Amino acid sequence: MAVSAYILSTLRDAVEATLIDSSNISWATGDLDAAIRLALDEISKVNGSALLLKDLDSAASTTLDALDEKTLIEGSCMFAVLARMADRAEKPAVGDDPTTGLDNYTRLMRTIFNGRLTAMKRRLLARATTDPHSAWAWTEDDDNSFE
């Protein structure tokens, strides 16, 4: 696995470039950092372990696979647009719904992000040296739970 060379500032720049907002007119850096954090968390769930991005939440290094950089950028953009859409939906507007274009973009980005997460999961399973499954143990405390 080749580790990503991204750190928080360079990844944030890539997200800003993708959102066409390098001067932070629409998205503040704190909002972008929150979106990056959410996307990294989603990728960590698929990866099976917490991933780090240097300088995000005081992380000393980056542990993201270089193959997953685009997934992180696209996921970060999606979460940033979702937050902006929620913010705009809470404000009164006259005329057309101000969230329509953002909603369409978010749906598209969610589809792309989920597809990349699925591809990542397949790649990780292909690399696995042990069987990717384990026996389920039935828990009597809850009718629908497995261990």
Protein backbone atom coordinates (compact mmCIF):
# COMPACT_ATOMS: atom_id res chain seq x y z
CA MET A 1 0.00 0.00 0.00
CA ALA A 2 1.32 3.40 -0.96
CA VAL A 3 0.43 5.96 1.70
CA SER A 4 -1.11 9.21 0.53
CA ALA A 5 1.08 12.29 0.55
CA TYR A 6 -1.91 14.47 1.44
CA ILE A 7 -2.01 16.41 4.67
CA LEU A 8 -4.95 18.51 5.83
CA SER A 9 -3.94 21.70 4.03
CA THR A 10 -3.22 20.04 0.68
CA LEU A 11 -6.36 17.92 0.82
CA ARG A 12 -8.41 20.99 1.73
CA ASP A 13 -6.91 22.75 -1.32
CA ALA A 14 -7.98 19.81 -3.51
CA VAL A 15 -11.51 19.94 -2.10
CA GLU A 16 -11.66 23.71 -2.64
CA ALA A 17 -10.49 23.27 -6.23
CA THR A 18 -13.14 20.62 -6.86
CA LEU A 19 -15.83 22.87 -5.37
CA ILE A 20 -14.42 25.82 -7.38
CA ASP A 21 -14.03 27.80 -4.17
CA SER A 22 -10.29 28.29 -3.62
CA SER A 23 -10.89 31.69 -2.02
CA ASN A 24 -13.35 30.21 0.52
CA ILE A 25 -16.25 32.45 -0.45
CA SER A 26 -18.85 29.69 -0.16
CA TRP A 27 -17.18 27.28 2.26
CA ALA A 28 -15.13 28.27 5.30
CA THR A 29 -12.08 26.14 6.06
CA GLY A 30 -13.72 24.88 9.25
CA ASP A 31 -16.72 23.65 7.26
CA LEU A 32 -14.43 21.90 4.80
CA ASP A 33 -12.47 20.30 7.66
CA ALA A 34 -15.75 18.96 9.08
CA ALA A 35 -16.66 17.54 5.66
CA ILE A 36 -13.21 15.95 5.32
CA ARG A 37 -13.61 14.43 8.77
CA LEU A 38 -16.99 12.90 7.82
CA ALA A 39 -15.67 11.47 4.55
CA LEU A 40 -12.58 10.06 6.26
CA ASP A 41 -14.84 8.44 8.86
CA GLU A 42 -16.91 6.76 6.11
CA ILE A 43 -13.75 5.48 4.43
CA SER A 44 -12.44 4.26 7.80
CA LYS A 45 -15.61 2.19 8.28
CA VAL A 46 -15.02 0.43 4.97
CA ASN A 47 -11.31 0.07 5.73
CA GLY A 48 -12.04 -1.53 9.09
CA SER A 49 -9.72 0.76 11.04
CA ALA A 50 -9.47 4.46 11.80
CA LEU A 51 -7.59 6.37 9.13
CA LEU A 52 -5.60 9.51 9.84
CA LEU A 53 -4.89 12.65 7.86
CA LYS A 54 -1.85 14.59 9.06
CA ASP A 55 -2.91 17.76 10.94
CA LEU A 56 -6.61 16.81 11.08
CA ASP A 57 -7.48 16.49 14.75
CA SER A 58 -3.76 16.73 15.58
CA ALA A 59 -2.85 13.55 13.68
CA ALA A 60 0.93 13.22 13.32
CA SER A 61 0.78 11.30 10.04
CA THR A 62 -1.46 10.24 7.17
CA THR A 63 -2.52 6.60 6.93
CA LEU A 64 -4.84 6.88 3.92
CA ASP A 65 -3.99 4.66 0.95
CA ALA A 66 -2.99 6.77 -2.06
CA LEU A 67 -5.55 4.82 -4.11
CA ASP A 68 -8.31 6.32 -1.95
CA GLU A 69 -7.40 9.99 -2.33
CA LYS A 70 -10.03 10.70 -4.98
CA THR A 71 -12.66 8.95 -2.87
CA LEU A 72 -11.79 11.19 0.08
CA ILE A 73 -11.91 14.33 -2.07
CA GLU A 74 -15.27 13.43 -3.61
CA GLY A 75 -16.73 12.37 -0.27
CA SER A 76 -15.53 15.60 1.33
CA CYS A 77 -17.17 17.62 -1.44
CA MET A 78 -20.41 15.71 -0.98
CA PHE A 79 -20.50 16.32 2.77
CA ALA A 80 -19.63 20.00 2.29
CA VAL A 81 -22.49 20.46 -0.18
CA LEU A 82 -24.88 18.57 2.12
CA ALA A 83 -24.03 20.96 4.96
CA ARG A 84 -24.47 23.98 2.71
CA MET A 85 -27.77 22.64 1.44
CA ALA A 86 -29.04 22.16 4.99
CA ASP A 87 -27.93 25.69 5.86
CA ARG A 88 -29.69 27.18 2.84
CA ALA A 89 -32.85 25.15 3.42
CA GLU A 90 -33.19 26.69 6.89
CA LYS A 91 -33.14 30.23 5.49
CA PRO A 92 -36.29 31.75 4.02
CA ALA A 93 -36.16 32.17 0.24
CA VAL A 94 -38.40 33.91 -2.27
CA GLY A 95 -38.98 32.19 -5.60
CA ASP A 96 -37.22 29.00 -6.65
CA ASP A 97 -35.97 26.52 -4.11
CA PRO A 98 -32.31 27.46 -3.53
CA THR A 99 -31.35 23.86 -2.75
CA THR A 100 -32.46 22.17 -6.00
CA GLY A 101 -29.10 22.35 -7.78
CA LEU A 102 -27.24 21.41 -4.61
CA ASP A 103 -29.56 18.45 -4.09
CA ASN A 104 -28.93 17.14 -7.60
CA TYR A 105 -25.17 17.52 -7.14
CA THR A 106 -25.30 15.81 -3.74
CA ARG A 107 -27.25 12.85 -5.12
CA LEU A 108 -24.71 12.44 -7.91
CA MET A 109 -21.77 12.71 -5.50
CA ARG A 110 -23.38 10.21 -3.10
CA THR A 111 -23.73 7.71 -5.97
CA ILE A 112 -20.11 8.22 -7.00
CA PHE A 113 -18.84 8.09 -3.40
CA ASN A 114 -20.78 4.90 -2.63
CA GLY A 115 -19.45 3.31 -5.81
CA ARG A 116 -15.90 4.16 -4.81
CA LEU A 117 -16.48 2.79 -1.30
CA THR A 118 -17.73 -0.47 -2.82
CA ALA A 119 -14.67 -0.68 -5.08
CA MET A 120 -12.46 0.01 -2.05
CA LYS A 121 -14.12 -2.78 -0.11
CA ARG A 122 -13.58 -5.21 -2.99
CA ARG A 123 -9.93 -4.18 -3.21
CA LEU A 124 -9.44 -4.69 0.52
CA LEU A 125 -11.13 -8.10 0.39
CA ALA A 126 -8.91 -9.11 -2.53
CA ARG A 127 -5.83 -8.18 -0.48
CA ALA A 128 -7.01 -10.08 2.61
CA THR A 129 -4.90 -13.05 3.61
CA THR A 130 -7.71 -14.65 5.65
CA ASP A 131 -11.32 -15.45 4.87
CA PRO A 132 -13.37 -12.25 4.89
CA HIS A 133 -16.22 -13.86 6.77
CA SER A 134 -16.69 -15.10 10.29
CA ALA A 135 -19.31 -17.23 11.99
CA TRP A 136 -22.26 -15.33 13.40
CA ALA A 137 -23.20 -15.98 16.98
CA TRP A 138 -26.84 -15.56 17.89
CA THR A 139 -27.47 -13.29 20.87
CA GLU A 140 -30.59 -14.27 22.80
CA ASP A 141 -30.97 -10.80 24.35
CA ASP A 142 -32.18 -9.25 21.11
CA ASP A 143 -34.22 -11.07 18.47
CA ASN A 144 -32.42 -9.40 15.56
CA SER A 145 -28.83 -9.11 16.65
CA PHE A 146 -25.75 -11.01 15.68
CA GLU A 147 -22.26 -10.92 17.10
